[in-house]
Amino acid sequence: MSQRLKILNIVGARPNLPKIAPLMHEMQRHPEIEAILVHTGQHYDEKLSDIFFRQMGIPSPHVNLEVGSGSHASQTAEILKRIEPVLIERRPALLSLLPPPNLVSA
């Protein structure tokens, strides 16, 4: 049996959660794809994150970087610092970024 295509999907902010929902749903329909969801944790409370996961049926993130609030520079630095071990461990074939600006910068 061939190895599944590992796609690591990174989402960070509330405006991007509605965008990841159909992508995750479609990837889950294909057994040859291993869809991994990583949340940066930039938006982390009920109204900015959790409610979207529940209402849109987005699967719980496999990894939450728990970056939290901060300046653009501090969030970017934390994303870089925290995503590196995830990328090394998971070794995705593809990376999908649904950006807030800090995620794209990282």
Protein backbone atom coordinates (compact mmCIF):
# COMPACT_ATOMS: atom_id res chain seq x y z
CA MET A 1 0.00 0.00 0.00
CA SER A 2 1.36 3.42 -0.92
CA GLN A 3 1.89 6.13 1.66
CA ARG A 4 -0.84 8.72 2.13
CA LEU A 5 -0.28 12.29 0.93
CA LYS A 6 0.33 14.30 4.10
CA ILE A 7 -1.07 17.84 3.90
CA LEU A 8 -0.48 20.14 6.85
CA ASN A 9 -3.09 22.91 6.98
CA ILE A 10 -2.28 25.93 9.13
CA VAL A 11 -5.01 28.31 10.21
CA GLY A 12 -4.60 31.19 12.58
CA ALA A 13 -7.34 33.76 12.76
CA ARG A 14 -11.12 33.82 12.84
CA PRO A 15 -11.62 35.07 9.25
CA ASN A 16 -9.83 31.99 7.95
CA LEU A 17 -11.81 29.35 9.83
CA PRO A 18 -14.72 29.46 7.33
CA LYS A 19 -12.15 28.98 4.56
CA ILE A 20 -10.57 25.88 6.09
CA ALA A 21 -13.90 24.13 6.72
CA PRO A 22 -14.61 23.05 3.10
CA LEU A 23 -10.96 22.16 2.52
CA MET A 24 -10.84 19.87 5.55
CA HIS A 25 -14.19 18.30 4.66
CA GLU A 26 -13.03 17.58 1.10
CA MET A 27 -9.66 16.19 2.18
CA GLN A 28 -11.38 13.87 4.66
CA ARG A 29 -13.36 12.35 1.78
CA HIS A 30 -10.13 11.05 0.22
CA PRO A 31 -8.49 8.15 2.06
CA GLU A 32 -5.23 8.76 0.19
CA ILE A 33 -4.89 12.14 1.96
CA GLU A 34 -3.82 12.62 5.55
CA ALA A 35 -5.13 16.08 6.42
CA ILE A 36 -3.42 17.55 9.46
CA LEU A 37 -4.87 20.69 10.99
CA VAL A 38 -2.65 23.10 12.94
CA HIS A 39 -4.14 26.12 14.72
CA THR A 40 -1.72 28.92 15.59
CA GLY A 41 -3.85 29.86 18.58
CA GLN A 42 -3.88 33.56 17.71
CA HIS A 43 -7.65 33.65 18.16
CA TYR A 44 -8.39 31.34 21.01
CA ASP A 45 -11.61 32.16 22.82
CA GLU A 46 -15.15 30.88 22.35
CA LYS A 47 -16.36 33.69 20.07
CA LEU A 48 -13.22 33.93 17.95
CA SER A 49 -12.44 30.26 17.46
CA ASP A 50 -14.32 27.46 19.22
CA ILE A 51 -17.75 28.41 17.92
CA PHE A 52 -16.54 28.13 14.30
CA PHE A 53 -15.11 24.66 14.85
CA ARG A 54 -18.43 23.48 16.29
CA GLN A 55 -20.82 25.22 13.91
CA MET A 56 -18.88 24.43 10.74
CA GLY A 57 -17.95 20.90 11.71
CA ILE A 58 -14.23 21.62 11.47
CA PRO A 59 -12.31 18.79 13.12
CA SER A 60 -10.36 19.67 16.25
CA PRO A 61 -6.83 20.73 15.42
CA HIS A 62 -4.20 18.02 15.64
CA VAL A 63 -1.84 20.68 16.99
CA ASN A 64 -2.52 24.02 18.67
CA LEU A 65 0.54 26.26 18.76
CA GLU A 66 -1.09 28.43 21.46
CA VAL A 67 0.64 31.60 20.24
CA GLY A 68 -1.94 33.89 21.86
CA SER A 69 -1.98 37.66 21.69
CA GLY A 70 0.96 39.93 21.07
CA SER A 71 2.57 42.30 18.65
CA HIS A 72 3.04 41.36 15.02
CA ALA A 73 6.72 40.65 15.68
CA SER A 74 6.16 38.52 18.78
CA GLN A 75 3.38 36.46 17.16
CA THR A 76 5.49 35.90 14.04
CA ALA A 77 8.47 34.81 16.15
CA GLU A 78 6.33 32.44 18.23
CA ILE A 79 4.74 30.89 15.15
CA LEU A 80 8.16 30.21 13.66
CA LYS A 81 9.53 28.81 16.90
CA ARG A 82 6.52 26.56 17.53
CA ILE A 83 5.85 25.34 13.98
CA GLU A 84 9.38 24.08 13.34
CA PRO A 85 9.14 20.97 15.56
CA VAL A 86 5.70 20.19 14.10
CA LEU A 87 7.09 20.29 10.56
CA ILE A 88 10.08 18.17 11.53
CA GLU A 89 7.89 15.58 13.26
CA ARG A 90 5.02 15.44 10.75
CA ARG A 91 7.11 15.89 7.55
CA PRO A 92 4.22 17.01 5.31
CA ALA A 93 4.39 16.73 1.53
CA LEU A 94 2.32 19.91 1.19
CA LEU A 95 1.68 22.92 3.35
CA SER A 96 -1.56 24.89 3.14
CA LEU A 97 -1.58 28.34 4.74
CA LEU A 98 -4.76 30.29 5.32
CA PRO A 99 -3.20 33.47 6.46
CA PRO A 100 -3.56 36.18 8.83
CA PRO A 101 -0.63 38.45 7.97
CA ASN A 102 1.49 37.17 10.86
CA LEU A 103 1.23 33.59 9.58
CA VAL A 104 2.31 34.57 6.06
CA SER A 105 5.27 36.49 7.45
CA ALA A 106 6.36 33.46 9.49
